[in-house]
Amino acid sequence: MLRFIFIGLPLLLMFLLAVAFGALNKHAISFNFIIGEITLPVAVLTGLFIGLGFLLGLAAMAAKQVALRNENRKLRKQVTQREQPNA
């Protein structure tokens, strides 16, 4: 239940805000890339950047999770080595 409150509810609210924003903003704007230009509606461009930000945040969290797992594995190995009796 806590997982839904801290993860699911904010995602649901962000989705609802994006839908409302998209319904109200139908203007097209030009977006300049380094190699070209594209004209997209504001809602589509906003959705793309929100999705990109979400993916970057997810990648950063996954990288931190891998680092923490490696550190945890190393510490467990140290603990088991110290607990073994010297023969």
C-alpha atoms as a PDB file:
ATOM      1  CA  MET A   1       0.000   0.000   0.000  1.00  0.00           C
ATOM      2  CA  LEU A   2       2.825   2.397   0.821  1.00  0.00           C
ATOM      3  CA  ARG A   3       4.445   1.622  -2.510  1.00  0.00           C
ATOM      4  CA  PHE A   4       1.274   2.733  -4.296  1.00  0.00           C
ATOM      5  CA  ILE A   5       1.073   5.911  -2.222  1.00  0.00           C
ATOM      6  CA  PHE A   6       4.670   6.934  -2.903  1.00  0.00           C
ATOM      7  CA  ILE A   7       5.024   5.695  -6.493  1.00  0.00           C
ATOM      8  CA  GLY A   8       1.657   5.027  -8.086  1.00  0.00           C
ATOM      9  CA  LEU A   9      -0.256   8.052  -6.852  1.00  0.00           C
ATOM     10  CA  PRO A  10       2.294  10.659  -8.035  1.00  0.00           C
ATOM     11  CA  LEU A  11       2.529   8.918 -11.421  1.00  0.00           C
ATOM     12  CA  LEU A  12      -1.247   8.904 -11.727  1.00  0.00           C
ATOM     13  CA  LEU A  13      -1.446  12.587 -10.823  1.00  0.00           C
ATOM     14  CA  MET A  14       1.303  13.458 -13.300  1.00  0.00           C
ATOM     15  CA  PHE A  15      -0.526  11.532 -16.030  1.00  0.00           C
ATOM     16  CA  LEU A  16      -3.804  13.328 -15.287  1.00  0.00           C
ATOM     17  CA  LEU A  17      -2.042  16.703 -15.333  1.00  0.00           C
ATOM     18  CA  ALA A  18      -0.411  15.837 -18.670  1.00  0.00           C
ATOM     19  CA  VAL A  19      -3.783  14.862 -20.159  1.00  0.00           C
ATOM     20  CA  ALA A  20      -5.361  18.111 -18.925  1.00  0.00           C
ATOM     21  CA  PHE A  21      -2.410  20.105 -20.225  1.00  0.00           C
ATOM     22  CA  GLY A  22      -2.640  18.388 -23.599  1.00  0.00           C
ATOM     23  CA  ALA A  23      -6.362  19.036 -23.866  1.00  0.00           C
ATOM     24  CA  LEU A  24      -5.884  22.749 -23.215  1.00  0.00           C
ATOM     25  CA  ASN A  25      -2.778  23.369 -25.364  1.00  0.00           C
ATOM     26  CA  LYS A  26      -3.165  22.466 -29.006  1.00  0.00           C
ATOM     27  CA  HIS A  27      -0.724  25.032 -30.379  1.00  0.00           C
ATOM     28  CA  ALA A  28       2.163  23.815 -32.507  1.00  0.00           C
ATOM     29  CA  ILE A  29       5.653  25.106 -31.864  1.00  0.00           C
ATOM     30  CA  SER A  30       8.945  24.686 -33.700  1.00  0.00           C
ATOM     31  CA  PHE A  31      11.648  22.790 -31.849  1.00  0.00           C
ATOM     32  CA  ASN A  32      15.210  23.249 -33.160  1.00  0.00           C
ATOM     33  CA  PHE A  33      17.610  20.330 -32.931  1.00  0.00           C
ATOM     34  CA  ILE A  34      21.266  20.665 -33.790  1.00  0.00           C
ATOM     35  CA  ILE A  35      20.712  18.967 -37.139  1.00  0.00           C
ATOM     36  CA  GLY A  36      17.149  19.978 -37.919  1.00  0.00           C
ATOM     37  CA  GLU A  37      13.831  21.443 -36.898  1.00  0.00           C
ATOM     38  CA  ILE A  38      10.479  19.838 -36.149  1.00  0.00           C
ATOM     39  CA  THR A  39       7.043  21.306 -35.476  1.00  0.00           C
ATOM     40  CA  LEU A  40       5.072  19.546 -32.741  1.00  0.00           C
ATOM     41  CA  PRO A  41       2.118  20.385 -30.531  1.00  0.00           C
ATOM     42  CA  VAL A  42       3.028  21.673 -27.073  1.00  0.00           C
ATOM     43  CA  ALA A  43       1.390  18.668 -25.413  1.00  0.00           C
ATOM     44  CA  VAL A  44       3.416  16.152 -27.442  1.00  0.00           C
ATOM     45  CA  LEU A  45       6.672  17.984 -26.789  1.00  0.00           C
ATOM     46  CA  THR A  46       5.896  18.216 -23.070  1.00  0.00           C
ATOM     47  CA  GLY A  47       5.033  14.520 -22.968  1.00  0.00           C
ATOM     48  CA  LEU A  48       8.296  13.635 -24.697  1.00  0.00           C
ATOM     49  CA  PHE A  49      10.357  15.630 -22.226  1.00  0.00           C
ATOM     50  CA  ILE A  50       8.472  14.245 -19.223  1.00  0.00           C
ATOM     51  CA  GLY A  51       9.029  10.723 -20.545  1.00  0.00           C
ATOM     52  CA  LEU A  52      12.716  11.431 -21.167  1.00  0.00           C
ATOM     53  CA  GLY A  53      13.098  12.822 -17.659  1.00  0.00           C
ATOM     54  CA  PHE A  54      11.347   9.769 -16.230  1.00  0.00           C
ATOM     55  CA  LEU A  55      13.663   7.407 -18.123  1.00  0.00           C
ATOM     56  CA  LEU A  56      16.766   9.329 -17.040  1.00  0.00           C
ATOM     57  CA  GLY A  57      15.614   9.235 -13.417  1.00  0.00           C
ATOM     58  CA  LEU A  58      14.903   5.525 -13.689  1.00  0.00           C
ATOM     59  CA  ALA A  59      18.372   4.904 -15.137  1.00  0.00           C
ATOM     60  CA  ALA A  60      19.992   6.905 -12.329  1.00  0.00           C
ATOM     61  CA  MET A  61      18.065   4.955  -9.688  1.00  0.00           C
ATOM     62  CA  ALA A  62      18.985   1.646 -11.318  1.00  0.00           C
ATOM     63  CA  ALA A  63      22.673   2.592 -11.399  1.00  0.00           C
ATOM     64  CA  LYS A  64      22.581   3.509  -7.702  1.00  0.00           C
ATOM     65  CA  GLN A  65      20.791   0.239  -6.921  1.00  0.00           C
ATOM     66  CA  VAL A  66      23.507  -1.770  -8.684  1.00  0.00           C
ATOM     67  CA  ALA A  67      26.226   0.116  -6.784  1.00  0.00           C
ATOM     68  CA  LEU A  68      24.465  -0.537  -3.467  1.00  0.00           C
ATOM     69  CA  ARG A  69      24.066  -4.247  -4.266  1.00  0.00           C
ATOM     70  CA  ASN A  70      27.767  -4.525  -5.069  1.00  0.00           C
ATOM     71  CA  GLU A  71      28.704  -2.769  -1.834  1.00  0.00           C
ATOM     72  CA  ASN A  72      26.324  -4.994   0.124  1.00  0.00           C
ATOM     73  CA  ARG A  73      27.834  -8.117  -1.455  1.00  0.00           C
ATOM     74  CA  LYS A  74      31.349  -6.951  -0.593  1.00  0.00           C
ATOM     75  CA  LEU A  75      30.388  -6.200   3.027  1.00  0.00           C
ATOM     76  CA  ARG A  76      28.665  -9.578   3.432  1.00  0.00           C
ATOM     77  CA  LYS A  77      31.804 -11.270   2.147  1.00  0.00           C
ATOM     78  CA  GLN A  78      33.908  -9.378   4.701  1.00  0.00           C
ATOM     79  CA  VAL A  79      31.561 -10.362   7.529  1.00  0.00           C
ATOM     80  CA  THR A  80      31.614 -14.042   6.589  1.00  0.00           C
ATOM     81  CA  GLN A  81      35.424 -14.001   6.392  1.00  0.00           C
ATOM     82  CA  ARG A  82      35.692 -12.497   9.885  1.00  0.00           C
ATOM     83  CA  GLU A  83      33.175 -14.941  11.342  1.00  0.00           C
ATOM     84  CA  GLN A  84      35.080 -18.014  10.157  1.00  0.00           C
ATOM     85  CA  PRO A  85      37.287 -19.508  12.894  1.00  0.00           C
ATOM     86  CA  ASN A  86      41.017 -19.381  12.245  1.00  0.00           C
ATOM     87  CA  ALA A  87      42.239 -22.916  11.711  1.00  0.00           C
END
